[in-house]
Amino acid sequence: MNAALLPTTALSPNRSAGLAGAAVRLGRAIELWGVRRASDREDRDALLLLMESRRCAERALAERDETWRASSFGPLC
């Protein structure tokens, strides 16, 4: 059974049960977010694709700048 779905009233019958349950659910959500983020950063194929797309963008910008320089007045640049 999922620990996030367990009722907290049986564990803590006082008024802080709702707050304790919310804290547990929030902690679990943060943990899952961290695990997903870590797995995204460790995905080698995704990182390689990102690096290649950045290199492609840098080449395109360099080509654009070179074209702009060639079409303008050389001594003034």
PDB file of N, CA and C in Angstrom:
ATOM      1  N   MET A   1       0.839  -1.177   0.000  1.00  0.00           N
ATOM      2  CA  MET A   1       0.000   0.000   0.000  1.00  0.00           C
ATOM      3  C   MET A   1       0.880   1.234   0.000  1.00  0.00           C
ATOM      4  N   ASN A   2       0.463   2.272  -0.691  1.00  0.00           N
ATOM      5  CA  ASN A   2       1.211   3.508  -0.791  1.00  0.00           C
ATOM      6  C   ASN A   2       1.208   4.229   0.550  1.00  0.00           C
ATOM      7  N   ALA A   3       2.394   4.569   1.047  1.00  0.00           N
ATOM      8  CA  ALA A   3       2.509   5.215   2.354  1.00  0.00           C
ATOM      9  C   ALA A   3       1.861   6.595   2.360  1.00  0.00           C
ATOM     10  N   ALA A   4       1.814   7.257   1.205  1.00  0.00           N
ATOM     11  CA  ALA A   4       1.223   8.589   1.147  1.00  0.00           C
ATOM     12  C   ALA A   4      -0.300   8.540   1.311  1.00  0.00           C
ATOM     13  N   LEU A   5      -0.902   7.376   1.098  1.00  0.00           N
ATOM     14  CA  LEU A   5      -2.352   7.264   1.199  1.00  0.00           C
ATOM     15  C   LEU A   5      -2.830   6.778   2.568  1.00  0.00           C
ATOM     16  N   LEU A   6      -1.904   6.440   3.448  1.00  0.00           N
ATOM     17  CA  LEU A   6      -2.293   5.962   4.765  1.00  0.00           C
ATOM     18  C   LEU A   6      -2.868   7.106   5.596  1.00  0.00           C
ATOM     19  N   PRO A   7      -3.942   6.868   6.313  1.00  0.00           N
ATOM     20  CA  PRO A   7      -4.473   7.934   7.161  1.00  0.00           C
ATOM     21  C   PRO A   7      -3.545   8.162   8.350  1.00  0.00           C
ATOM     22  N   THR A   8      -3.390   9.411   8.730  1.00  0.00           N
ATOM     23  CA  THR A   8      -2.501   9.737   9.841  1.00  0.00           C
ATOM     24  C   THR A   8      -3.256   9.810  11.159  1.00  0.00           C
ATOM     25  N   THR A   9      -4.568   9.762  11.131  1.00  0.00           N
ATOM     26  CA  THR A   9      -5.338   9.884  12.379  1.00  0.00           C
ATOM     27  C   THR A   9      -5.105   8.697  13.299  1.00  0.00           C
ATOM     28  N   ALA A  10      -4.856   7.509  12.739  1.00  0.00           N
ATOM     29  CA  ALA A  10      -4.599   6.349  13.586  1.00  0.00           C
ATOM     30  C   ALA A  10      -3.240   6.461  14.262  1.00  0.00           C
ATOM     31  N   LEU A  11      -2.320   7.153  13.618  1.00  0.00           N
ATOM     32  CA  LEU A  11      -0.992   7.309  14.187  1.00  0.00           C
ATOM     33  C   LEU A  11      -0.935   8.429  15.219  1.00  0.00           C
ATOM     34  N   SER A  12      -1.662   9.487  14.975  1.00  0.00           N
ATOM     35  CA  SER A  12      -1.623  10.649  15.844  1.00  0.00           C
ATOM     36  C   SER A  12      -3.040  11.210  15.983  1.00  0.00           C
ATOM     37  N   PRO A  13      -3.755  10.827  17.024  1.00  0.00           N
ATOM     38  CA  PRO A  13      -5.153  11.217  17.126  1.00  0.00           C
ATOM     39  C   PRO A  13      -5.377  12.682  17.495  1.00  0.00           C
ATOM     40  N   ASN A  14      -4.336  13.437  17.807  1.00  0.00           N
ATOM     41  CA  ASN A  14      -4.548  14.840  18.177  1.00  0.00           C
ATOM     42  C   ASN A  14      -4.720  15.720  16.946  1.00  0.00           C
ATOM     43  N   ARG A  15      -4.832  16.988  17.149  1.00  0.00           N
ATOM     44  CA  ARG A  15      -5.112  17.916  16.051  1.00  0.00           C
ATOM     45  C   ARG A  15      -3.947  18.094  15.090  1.00  0.00           C
ATOM     46  N   SER A  16      -2.753  17.720  15.472  1.00  0.00           N
ATOM     47  CA  SER A  16      -1.610  17.905  14.584  1.00  0.00           C
ATOM     48  C   SER A  16      -1.505  16.810  13.530  1.00  0.00           C
ATOM     49  N   ALA A  17      -2.453  15.883  13.526  1.00  0.00           N
ATOM     50  CA  ALA A  17      -2.409  14.775  12.573  1.00  0.00           C
ATOM     51  C   ALA A  17      -2.483  15.278  11.134  1.00  0.00           C
ATOM     52  N   GLY A  18      -3.323  16.248  10.885  1.00  0.00           N
ATOM     53  CA  GLY A  18      -3.438  16.782   9.524  1.00  0.00           C
ATOM     54  C   GLY A  18      -2.158  17.450   9.070  1.00  0.00           C
ATOM     55  N   LEU A  19      -1.551  18.196   9.972  1.00  0.00           N
ATOM     56  CA  LEU A  19      -0.294  18.865   9.645  1.00  0.00           C
ATOM     57  C   LEU A  19       0.820  17.841   9.432  1.00  0.00           C
ATOM     58  N   ALA A  20       0.862  16.835  10.264  1.00  0.00           N
ATOM     59  CA  ALA A  20       1.871  15.786  10.108  1.00  0.00           C
ATOM     60  C   ALA A  20       1.681  15.044   8.791  1.00  0.00           C
ATOM     61  N   GLY A  21       0.442  14.748   8.448  1.00  0.00           N
ATOM     62  CA  GLY A  21       0.167  14.075   7.182  1.00  0.00           C
ATOM     63  C   GLY A  21       0.572  14.920   5.993  1.00  0.00           C
ATOM     64  N   ALA A  22       0.289  16.229   6.079  1.00  0.00           N
ATOM     65  CA  ALA A  22       0.669  17.129   4.994  1.00  0.00           C
ATOM     66  C   ALA A  22       2.186  17.189   4.858  1.00  0.00           C
ATOM     67  N   ALA A  23       2.884  17.200   5.991  1.00  0.00           N
ATOM     68  CA  ALA A  23       4.343  17.239   5.953  1.00  0.00           C
ATOM     69  C   ALA A  23       4.906  15.971   5.319  1.00  0.00           C
ATOM     70  N   VAL A  24       4.328  14.836   5.628  1.00  0.00           N
ATOM     71  CA  VAL A  24       4.783  13.575   5.044  1.00  0.00           C
ATOM     72  C   VAL A  24       4.522  13.560   3.544  1.00  0.00           C
ATOM     73  N   ARG A  25       3.342  13.999   3.133  1.00  0.00           N
ATOM     74  CA  ARG A  25       3.031  14.021   1.704  1.00  0.00           C
ATOM     75  C   ARG A  25       3.933  14.995   0.957  1.00  0.00           C
ATOM     76  N   LEU A  26       4.192  16.153   1.546  1.00  0.00           N
ATOM     77  CA  LEU A  26       5.068  17.135   0.910  1.00  0.00           C
ATOM     78  C   LEU A  26       6.492  16.592   0.807  1.00  0.00           C
ATOM     79  N   GLY A  27       6.961  15.956   1.873  1.00  0.00           N
ATOM     80  CA  GLY A  27       8.299  15.364   1.832  1.00  0.00           C
ATOM     81  C   GLY A  27       8.425  14.299   0.764  1.00  0.00           C
ATOM     82  N   ARG A  28       7.398  13.493   0.626  1.00  0.00           N
ATOM     83  CA  ARG A  28       7.397  12.439  -0.397  1.00  0.00           C
ATOM     84  C   ARG A  28       7.373  13.045  -1.804  1.00  0.00           C
ATOM     85  N   ALA A  29       6.606  14.107  -1.972  1.00  0.00           N
ATOM     86  CA  ALA A  29       6.552  14.767  -3.280  1.00  0.00           C
ATOM     87  C   ALA A  29       7.912  15.358  -3.634  1.00  0.00           C
ATOM     88  N   ILE A  30       8.585  15.964  -2.663  1.00  0.00           N
ATOM     89  CA  ILE A  30       9.908  16.529  -2.908  1.00  0.00           C
ATOM     90  C   ILE A  30      10.911  15.423  -3.237  1.00  0.00           C
ATOM     91  N   GLU A  31      10.801  14.311  -2.541  1.00  0.00           N
ATOM     92  CA  GLU A  31      11.686  13.176  -2.811  1.00  0.00           C
ATOM     93  C   GLU A  31      11.495  12.671  -4.235  1.00  0.00           C
ATOM     94  N   LEU A  32      10.256  12.487  -4.667  1.00  0.00           N
ATOM     95  CA  LEU A  32       9.989  12.003  -6.024  1.00  0.00           C
ATOM     96  C   LEU A  32      10.479  12.999  -7.070  1.00  0.00           C
ATOM     97  N   TRP A  33      10.301  14.295  -6.798  1.00  0.00           N
ATOM     98  CA  TRP A  33      10.795  15.321  -7.712  1.00  0.00           C
ATOM     99  C   TRP A  33      12.306  15.219  -7.846  1.00  0.00           C
ATOM    100  N   GLY A  34      13.003  15.039  -6.730  1.00  0.00           N
ATOM    101  CA  GLY A  34      14.455  14.917  -6.761  1.00  0.00           C
ATOM    102  C   GLY A  34      14.927  13.689  -7.523  1.00  0.00           C
ATOM    103  N   VAL A  35      14.224  12.584  -7.355  1.00  0.00           N
ATOM    104  CA  VAL A  35      14.584  11.356  -8.075  1.00  0.00           C
ATOM    105  C   VAL A  35      14.391  11.552  -9.570  1.00  0.00           C
ATOM    106  N   ARG A  36      13.287  12.187  -9.973  1.00  0.00           N
ATOM    107  CA  ARG A  36      13.054  12.438 -11.401  1.00  0.00           C
ATOM    108  C   ARG A  36      14.111  13.380 -11.962  1.00  0.00           C
ATOM    109  N   ARG A  37      14.449  14.404 -11.214  1.00  0.00           N
ATOM    110  CA  ARG A  37      15.459  15.368 -11.675  1.00  0.00           C
ATOM    111  C   ARG A  37      16.822  14.699 -11.817  1.00  0.00           C
ATOM    112  N   ALA A  38      17.186  13.859 -10.864  1.00  0.00           N
ATOM    113  CA  ALA A  38      18.467  13.158 -10.936  1.00  0.00           C
ATOM    114  C   ALA A  38      18.501  12.206 -12.122  1.00  0.00           C
ATOM    115  N   SER A  39      17.403  11.514 -12.375  1.00  0.00           N
ATOM    116  CA  SER A  39      17.384  10.589 -13.507  1.00  0.00           C
ATOM    117  C   SER A  39      17.454  11.349 -14.826  1.00  0.00           C
ATOM    118  N   ASP A  40      16.857  12.551 -14.880  1.00  0.00           N
ATOM    119  CA  ASP A  40      16.951  13.359 -16.090  1.00  0.00           C
ATOM    120  C   ASP A  40      18.389  13.791 -16.337  1.00  0.00           C
ATOM    121  N   ARG A  41      19.093  14.145 -15.280  1.00  0.00           N
ATOM    122  CA  ARG A  41      20.479  14.589 -15.434  1.00  0.00           C
ATOM    123  C   ARG A  41      21.410  13.445 -15.787  1.00  0.00           C
ATOM    124  N   GLU A  42      21.051  12.240 -15.450  1.00  0.00           N
ATOM    125  CA  GLU A  42      21.905  11.094 -15.724  1.00  0.00           C
ATOM    126  C   GLU A  42      21.587  10.421 -17.055  1.00  0.00           C
ATOM    127  N   ASP A  43      20.625  10.932 -17.772  1.00  0.00           N
ATOM    128  CA  ASP A  43      20.254  10.342 -19.052  1.00  0.00           C
ATOM    129  C   ASP A  43      21.279  10.757 -20.110  1.00  0.00           C
ATOM    130  N   ARG A  44      22.176   9.845 -20.445  1.00  0.00           N
ATOM    131  CA  ARG A  44      23.300  10.145 -21.334  1.00  0.00           C
ATOM    132  C   ARG A  44      22.837  10.570 -22.726  1.00  0.00           C
ATOM    133  N   ASP A  45      21.851   9.887 -23.258  1.00  0.00           N
ATOM    134  CA  ASP A  45      21.378  10.220 -24.602  1.00  0.00           C
ATOM    135  C   ASP A  45      20.792  11.627 -24.653  1.00  0.00           C
ATOM    136  N   ALA A  46      20.043  11.987 -23.633  1.00  0.00           N
ATOM    137  CA  ALA A  46      19.457  13.325 -23.595  1.00  0.00           C
ATOM    138  C   ALA A  46      20.547  14.391 -23.493  1.00  0.00           C
ATOM    139  N   LEU A  47      21.577  14.126 -22.691  1.00  0.00           N
ATOM    140  CA  LEU A  47      22.675  15.078 -22.573  1.00  0.00           C
ATOM    141  C   LEU A  47      23.438  15.223 -23.887  1.00  0.00           C
ATOM    142  N   LEU A  48      23.667  14.109 -24.562  1.00  0.00           N
ATOM    143  CA  LEU A  48      24.359  14.176 -25.852  1.00  0.00           C
ATOM    144  C   LEU A  48      23.540  14.947 -26.878  1.00  0.00           C
ATOM    145  N   LEU A  49      22.241  14.736 -26.889  1.00  0.00           N
ATOM    146  CA  LEU A  49      21.372  15.467 -27.802  1.00  0.00           C
ATOM    147  C   LEU A  49      21.382  16.960 -27.493  1.00  0.00           C
ATOM    148  N   LEU A  50      21.351  17.305 -26.221  1.00  0.00           N
ATOM    149  CA  LEU A  50      21.402  18.710 -25.813  1.00  0.00           C
ATOM    150  C   LEU A  50      22.721  19.352 -26.227  1.00  0.00           C
ATOM    151  N   MET A  51      23.818  18.641 -26.028  1.00  0.00           N
ATOM    152  CA  MET A  51      25.120  19.180 -26.413  1.00  0.00           C
ATOM    153  C   MET A  51      25.214  19.376 -27.921  1.00  0.00           C
ATOM    154  N   GLU A  52      24.699  18.433 -28.685  1.00  0.00           N
ATOM    155  CA  GLU A  52      24.723  18.555 -30.142  1.00  0.00           C
ATOM    156  C   GLU A  52      23.860  19.726 -30.617  1.00  0.00           C
ATOM    157  N   SER A  53      22.702  19.903 -30.010  1.00  0.00           N
ATOM    158  CA  SER A  53      21.840  21.017 -30.414  1.00  0.00           C
ATOM    159  C   SER A  53      22.483  22.358 -30.059  1.00  0.00           C
ATOM    160  N   ARG A  54      23.204  22.414 -28.948  1.00  0.00           N
ATOM    161  CA  ARG A  54      23.916  23.660 -28.595  1.00  0.00           C
ATOM    162  C   ARG A  54      25.039  23.940 -29.591  1.00  0.00           C
ATOM    163  N   ARG A  55      25.789  22.897 -29.977  1.00  0.00           N
ATOM    164  CA  ARG A  55      26.854  23.086 -30.974  1.00  0.00           C
ATOM    165  C   ARG A  55      26.270  23.557 -32.296  1.00  0.00           C
ATOM    166  N   CYS A  56      25.147  22.996 -32.693  1.00  0.00           N
ATOM    167  CA  CYS A  56      24.490  23.388 -33.942  1.00  0.00           C
ATOM    168  C   CYS A  56      24.055  24.853 -33.877  1.00  0.00           C
ATOM    169  N   ALA A  57      23.501  25.259 -32.744  1.00  0.00           N
ATOM    170  CA  ALA A  57      23.077  26.653 -32.580  1.00  0.00           C
ATOM    171  C   ALA A  57      24.273  27.597 -32.617  1.00  0.00           C
ATOM    172  N   GLU A  58      25.388  27.209 -32.004  1.00  0.00           N
ATOM    173  CA  GLU A  58      26.587  28.041 -32.028  1.00  0.00           C
ATOM    174  C   GLU A  58      27.128  28.184 -33.443  1.00  0.00           C
ATOM    175  N   ARG A  59      27.112  27.073 -34.214  1.00  0.00           N
ATOM    176  CA  ARG A  59      27.571  27.147 -35.606  1.00  0.00           C
ATOM    177  C   ARG A  59      26.658  28.054 -36.432  1.00  0.00           C
ATOM    178  N   ALA A  60      25.361  27.957 -36.211  1.00  0.00           N
ATOM    179  CA  ALA A  60      24.414  28.798 -36.955  1.00  0.00           C
ATOM    180  C   ALA A  60      24.623  30.273 -36.631  1.00  0.00           C
ATOM    181  N   LEU A  61      24.857  30.583 -35.365  1.00  0.00           N
ATOM    182  CA  LEU A  61      25.103  31.981 -34.988  1.00  0.00           C
ATOM    183  C   LEU A  61      26.414  32.486 -35.582  1.00  0.00           C
ATOM    184  N   ALA A  62      27.439  31.649 -35.566  1.00  0.00           N
ATOM    185  CA  ALA A  62      28.713  32.055 -36.149  1.00  0.00           C
ATOM    186  C   ALA A  62      28.569  32.296 -37.646  1.00  0.00           C
ATOM    187  N   GLU A  63      27.821  31.438 -38.315  1.00  0.00           N
ATOM    188  CA  GLU A  63      27.588  31.610 -39.752  1.00  0.00           C
ATOM    189  C   GLU A  63      26.795  32.883 -40.020  1.00  0.00           C
ATOM    190  N   ARG A  64      25.787  33.143 -39.210  1.00  0.00           N
ATOM    191  CA  ARG A  64      25.002  34.374 -39.367  1.00  0.00           C
ATOM    192  C   ARG A  64      25.874  35.607 -39.179  1.00  0.00           C
ATOM    193  N   ASP A  65      26.731  35.590 -38.146  1.00  0.00           N
ATOM    194  CA  ASP A  65      27.604  36.728 -37.891  1.00  0.00           C
ATOM    195  C   ASP A  65      28.601  36.931 -39.024  1.00  0.00           C
ATOM    196  N   GLU A  66      29.142  35.843 -39.552  1.00  0.00           N
ATOM    197  CA  GLU A  66      30.089  35.933 -40.657  1.00  0.00           C
ATOM    198  C   GLU A  66      29.405  36.496 -41.904  1.00  0.00           C
ATOM    199  N   THR A  67      28.190  36.063 -42.166  1.00  0.00           N
ATOM    200  CA  THR A  67      27.439  36.584 -43.311  1.00  0.00           C
ATOM    201  C   THR A  67      27.164  38.071 -43.131  1.00  0.00           C
ATOM    202  N   TRP A  68      26.832  38.473 -41.927  1.00  0.00           N
ATOM    203  CA  TRP A  68      26.555  39.884 -41.655  1.00  0.00           C
ATOM    204  C   TRP A  68      27.824  40.716 -41.854  1.00  0.00           C
ATOM    205  N   ARG A  69      28.967  40.214 -41.361  1.00  0.00           N
ATOM    206  CA  ARG A  69      30.224  40.940 -41.517  1.00  0.00           C
ATOM    207  C   ARG A  69      30.614  41.053 -42.994  1.00  0.00           C
ATOM    208  N   ALA A  70      30.397  40.003 -43.761  1.00  0.00           N
ATOM    209  CA  ALA A  70      30.767  40.013 -45.177  1.00  0.00           C
ATOM    210  C   ALA A  70      29.878  40.959 -45.983  1.00  0.00           C
ATOM    211  N   SER A  71      28.660  41.165 -45.535  1.00  0.00           N
ATOM    212  CA  SER A  71      27.750  42.024 -46.304  1.00  0.00           C
ATOM    213  C   SER A  71      27.841  43.497 -45.883  1.00  0.00           C
ATOM    214  N   SER A  72      28.569  43.792 -44.835  1.00  0.00           N
ATOM    215  CA  SER A  72      28.690  45.182 -44.387  1.00  0.00           C
ATOM    216  C   SER A  72      30.065  45.718 -44.777  1.00  0.00           C
ATOM    217  N   PHE A  73      30.313  46.934 -44.419  1.00  0.00           N
ATOM    218  CA  PHE A  73      31.604  47.543 -44.757  1.00  0.00           C
ATOM    219  C   PHE A  73      32.672  46.939 -43.857  1.00  0.00           C
ATOM    220  N   GLY A  74      33.632  46.279 -44.478  1.00  0.00           N
ATOM    221  CA  GLY A  74      34.690  45.584 -43.749  1.00  0.00           C
ATOM    222  C   GLY A  74      35.519  46.474 -42.853  1.00  0.00           C
ATOM    223  N   PRO A  75      36.055  47.606 -43.368  1.00  0.00           N
ATOM    224  CA  PRO A  75      36.942  48.426 -42.520  1.00  0.00           C
ATOM    225  C   PRO A  75      36.230  49.036 -41.308  1.00  0.00           C
ATOM    226  N   LEU A  76      34.924  49.180 -41.364  1.00  0.00           N
ATOM    227  CA  LEU A  76      34.192  49.812 -40.275  1.00  0.00           C
ATOM    228  C   LEU A  76      33.808  48.808 -39.170  1.00  0.00           C
ATOM    229  N   CYS A  77      33.946  47.529 -39.425  1.00  0.00           N
ATOM    230  CA  CYS A  77      33.530  46.510 -38.450  1.00  0.00           C
ATOM    231  C   CYS A  77      34.601  46.217 -37.435  1.00  0.00           C
TER     232      CYS A  77
END
